[in-house]
Amino acid sequence: MIYGKNINLRTVKIKDAQFICNMRGDKFKTKHLSHVDSSIEAQKLWIESYKVREKNEKEFYFVLESKNSEKLGLVRMYDFKEKSFSWGSWLIKDNAPKATAIESALQVYEFGFNKLGFEKSHFDVRKGNDRVVAFHKRFGANIVDQNQADYFFNFERKDYIKIREKYKRYI
């Protein structure tokens, strides 16, 4: 569990399969994400296999929750390399508090840089996902490459230290 000021991140459990299916089944929210089998049984099987990767600290899949345990969204950390991690599959409910995006991003970086010891984050964002591209740019991430479908970003620990100070009211 990662405890934040207003929200917590906890790793997914089998019982979250329905919530994940509901979030991943929202065609508007997931139009920039890769397609997944949206059946509850398929999701449960995926979570079972994921739990092995979590145990081995190869991947983390979190439910964003309010302090009263209301589920607000999802985010994954994956593709761990020697000094870098990726994150994404970031979905937030429409009625979530406004600061959920900022606070969850800060928690992902706090966990990745300060708990897991990574020096950098690498991730991609689909072209056309303008709000998310703008969010990452405001946070200080840099586009380092692109292809026809995606922008590829890097965000270093030193950049996080700077932005953490700017957004400390959310920590």
Protein backbone atom coordinates (compact mmCIF):
# COMPACT_ATOMS: atom_id res chain seq x y z
CA MET A 1 0.00 0.00 0.00
CA ILE A 2 1.23 3.47 -0.88
CA TYR A 3 -0.32 6.10 1.37
CA GLY A 4 -0.89 9.58 0.02
CA LYS A 5 -2.44 12.75 1.35
CA ASN A 6 -5.91 12.18 -0.14
CA ILE A 7 -5.64 8.84 -1.93
CA ASN A 8 -3.87 5.53 -1.50
CA LEU A 9 -2.54 3.09 -4.06
CA ARG A 10 -2.95 -0.59 -3.27
CA THR A 11 -2.10 -3.52 -5.47
CA VAL A 12 -5.01 -5.14 -7.28
CA LYS A 13 -6.68 -8.26 -5.96
CA ILE A 14 -8.83 -10.88 -7.66
CA LYS A 15 -11.91 -9.18 -6.18
CA ASP A 16 -11.05 -6.05 -8.26
CA ALA A 17 -11.71 -7.88 -11.54
CA GLN A 18 -15.19 -6.36 -11.98
CA PHE A 19 -13.90 -2.82 -11.31
CA ILE A 20 -11.04 -3.32 -13.76
CA CYS A 21 -13.44 -4.63 -16.40
CA ASN A 22 -15.73 -1.65 -15.85
CA MET A 23 -12.85 0.81 -16.19
CA ARG A 24 -11.26 -0.99 -19.15
CA GLY A 25 -14.67 -1.36 -20.77
CA ASP A 26 -15.16 2.40 -21.01
CA LYS A 27 -14.45 2.92 -24.72
CA PHE A 28 -13.94 6.68 -24.33
CA LYS A 29 -11.40 6.34 -21.50
CA THR A 30 -9.53 3.45 -23.11
CA LYS A 31 -9.45 4.61 -26.72
CA HIS A 32 -5.70 5.32 -26.32
CA LEU A 33 -4.93 2.05 -24.47
CA SER A 34 -4.29 -1.40 -25.85
CA HIS A 35 -7.34 -3.64 -26.07
CA VAL A 36 -7.87 -6.29 -23.40
CA ASP A 37 -10.34 -9.14 -23.01
CA SER A 38 -13.04 -7.53 -20.89
CA SER A 39 -14.54 -10.71 -19.44
CA ILE A 40 -14.35 -11.02 -15.68
CA GLU A 41 -12.94 -14.55 -15.92
CA ALA A 42 -10.16 -13.42 -18.27
CA GLN A 43 -9.38 -10.55 -15.91
CA LYS A 44 -9.19 -12.89 -12.92
CA LEU A 45 -6.77 -15.14 -14.80
CA TRP A 46 -4.66 -12.12 -15.77
CA ILE A 47 -4.59 -10.94 -12.13
CA GLU A 48 -3.45 -14.40 -10.99
CA SER A 49 -0.51 -14.33 -13.41
CA TYR A 50 0.20 -10.70 -12.51
CA LYS A 51 0.44 -11.58 -8.80
CA VAL A 52 3.52 -13.71 -9.59
CA ARG A 53 5.17 -10.72 -11.29
CA GLU A 54 4.21 -8.51 -8.34
CA LYS A 55 5.72 -10.97 -5.85
CA ASN A 56 8.95 -10.89 -7.87
CA GLU A 57 8.79 -7.06 -8.03
CA LYS A 58 8.64 -7.13 -11.85
CA GLU A 59 5.37 -5.22 -12.13
CA PHE A 60 2.83 -3.43 -9.95
CA TYR A 61 -0.83 -2.81 -10.74
CA PHE A 62 -2.58 -0.43 -8.39
CA VAL A 63 -6.13 0.55 -7.57
CA LEU A 64 -6.35 4.25 -6.70
CA GLU A 65 -8.55 4.60 -3.63
CA SER A 66 -9.92 7.44 -1.55
CA LYS A 67 -9.19 7.41 2.17
CA ASN A 68 -12.59 5.77 2.69
CA SER A 69 -11.66 2.98 0.21
CA GLU A 70 -13.72 4.22 -2.74
CA LYS A 71 -12.11 2.96 -5.94
CA LEU A 72 -11.10 5.93 -8.09
CA GLY A 73 -8.93 4.45 -10.81
CA LEU A 74 -6.06 2.23 -11.91
CA VAL A 75 -2.38 2.56 -12.79
CA ARG A 76 0.36 0.07 -13.70
CA MET A 77 4.14 0.10 -13.32
CA TYR A 78 5.93 -2.35 -15.63
CA ASP A 79 8.78 -2.88 -18.11
CA PHE A 80 11.40 -2.62 -15.38
CA LYS A 81 14.86 -2.22 -16.82
CA GLU A 82 18.15 -1.81 -15.01
CA LYS A 83 17.60 1.81 -13.99
CA SER A 84 14.23 2.66 -15.53
CA PHE A 85 10.54 1.79 -15.20
CA SER A 86 7.50 2.42 -17.31
CA TRP A 87 4.02 3.23 -16.16
CA GLY A 88 0.64 3.58 -17.76
CA SER A 89 -2.79 1.99 -18.14
CA TRP A 90 -3.73 5.03 -16.07
CA LEU A 91 -7.48 5.36 -15.76
CA ILE A 92 -9.36 7.68 -13.41
CA LYS A 93 -13.11 7.73 -12.84
CA ASP A 94 -14.97 10.81 -14.03
CA ASN A 95 -16.22 11.67 -10.54
CA ALA A 96 -12.83 11.30 -8.84
CA PRO A 97 -11.51 14.31 -6.92
CA LYS A 98 -9.68 16.76 -9.17
CA ALA A 99 -6.28 16.13 -7.55
CA THR A 100 -6.39 12.35 -8.14
CA ALA A 101 -4.30 12.54 -11.32
CA ILE A 102 -1.54 14.69 -9.80
CA GLU A 103 -1.45 12.79 -6.53
CA SER A 104 -1.41 9.36 -8.19
CA ALA A 105 1.40 10.41 -10.56
CA LEU A 106 3.42 11.69 -7.61
CA GLN A 107 2.85 8.42 -5.77
CA VAL A 108 3.97 6.38 -8.79
CA TYR A 109 7.17 8.42 -9.06
CA GLU A 110 7.75 8.37 -5.30
CA PHE A 111 7.45 4.57 -5.31
CA GLY A 112 9.52 4.09 -8.47
CA PHE A 113 12.35 6.45 -7.56
CA ASN A 114 12.50 6.29 -3.77
CA LYS A 115 11.21 2.80 -2.91
CA LEU A 116 12.36 0.78 -5.93
CA GLY A 117 15.47 2.88 -6.58
CA PHE A 118 15.03 3.63 -10.28
CA GLU A 119 16.79 6.63 -11.82
CA LYS A 120 14.44 7.20 -14.74
CA SER A 121 10.96 6.52 -16.04
CA HIS A 122 10.28 5.74 -19.69
CA PHE A 123 6.76 5.59 -21.07
CA ASP A 124 4.74 6.16 -24.17
CA VAL A 125 1.55 8.09 -24.82
CA ARG A 126 -0.59 7.67 -27.90
CA LYS A 127 -0.69 10.60 -30.27
CA GLY A 128 -4.09 12.22 -30.00
CA ASN A 129 -4.20 11.71 -26.23
CA ASP A 130 -3.59 15.43 -25.87
CA ARG A 131 -4.61 15.85 -22.22
CA VAL A 132 -2.20 13.14 -21.07
CA VAL A 133 0.62 14.43 -23.28
CA ALA A 134 0.11 17.94 -21.84
CA PHE A 135 0.01 16.55 -18.28
CA HIS A 136 3.35 14.79 -18.67
CA LYS A 137 4.95 17.84 -20.28
CA ARG A 138 3.75 20.05 -17.39
CA PHE A 139 5.29 17.52 -15.02
CA GLY A 140 8.63 17.94 -16.79
CA ALA A 141 8.77 14.74 -18.86
CA ASN A 142 10.54 15.03 -22.19
CA ILE A 143 9.55 13.55 -25.52
CA VAL A 144 12.65 11.69 -26.69
CA ASP A 145 11.24 9.91 -29.73
CA GLN A 146 8.06 9.20 -31.62
CA ASN A 147 6.61 6.88 -34.19
CA GLN A 148 3.40 7.04 -36.16
CA ALA A 149 1.26 6.08 -33.13
CA ASP A 150 3.14 7.16 -29.99
CA TYR A 151 5.27 9.75 -28.24
CA PHE A 152 8.05 8.26 -26.12
CA PHE A 153 8.86 10.10 -22.90
CA ASN A 154 11.67 10.07 -20.34
CA PHE A 155 11.39 11.50 -16.86
CA GLU A 156 14.43 11.40 -14.60
CA ARG A 157 14.68 11.26 -10.84
CA LYS A 158 16.30 14.73 -10.81
CA ASP A 159 13.24 16.08 -12.68
CA TYR A 160 10.97 14.46 -10.12
CA ILE A 161 12.83 16.12 -7.24
CA LYS A 162 12.13 19.51 -8.84
CA ILE A 163 8.47 18.85 -9.59
CA ARG A 164 7.91 17.25 -6.18
CA GLU A 165 8.68 20.59 -4.57
CA LYS A 166 6.19 22.35 -6.86
CA TYR A 167 3.41 19.88 -6.02
CA LYS A 168 4.31 19.19 -2.35
CA ARG A 169 0.82 20.21 -1.24
CA TYR A 170 -0.42 16.94 -2.81
CA ILE A 171 2.04 14.74 -0.92
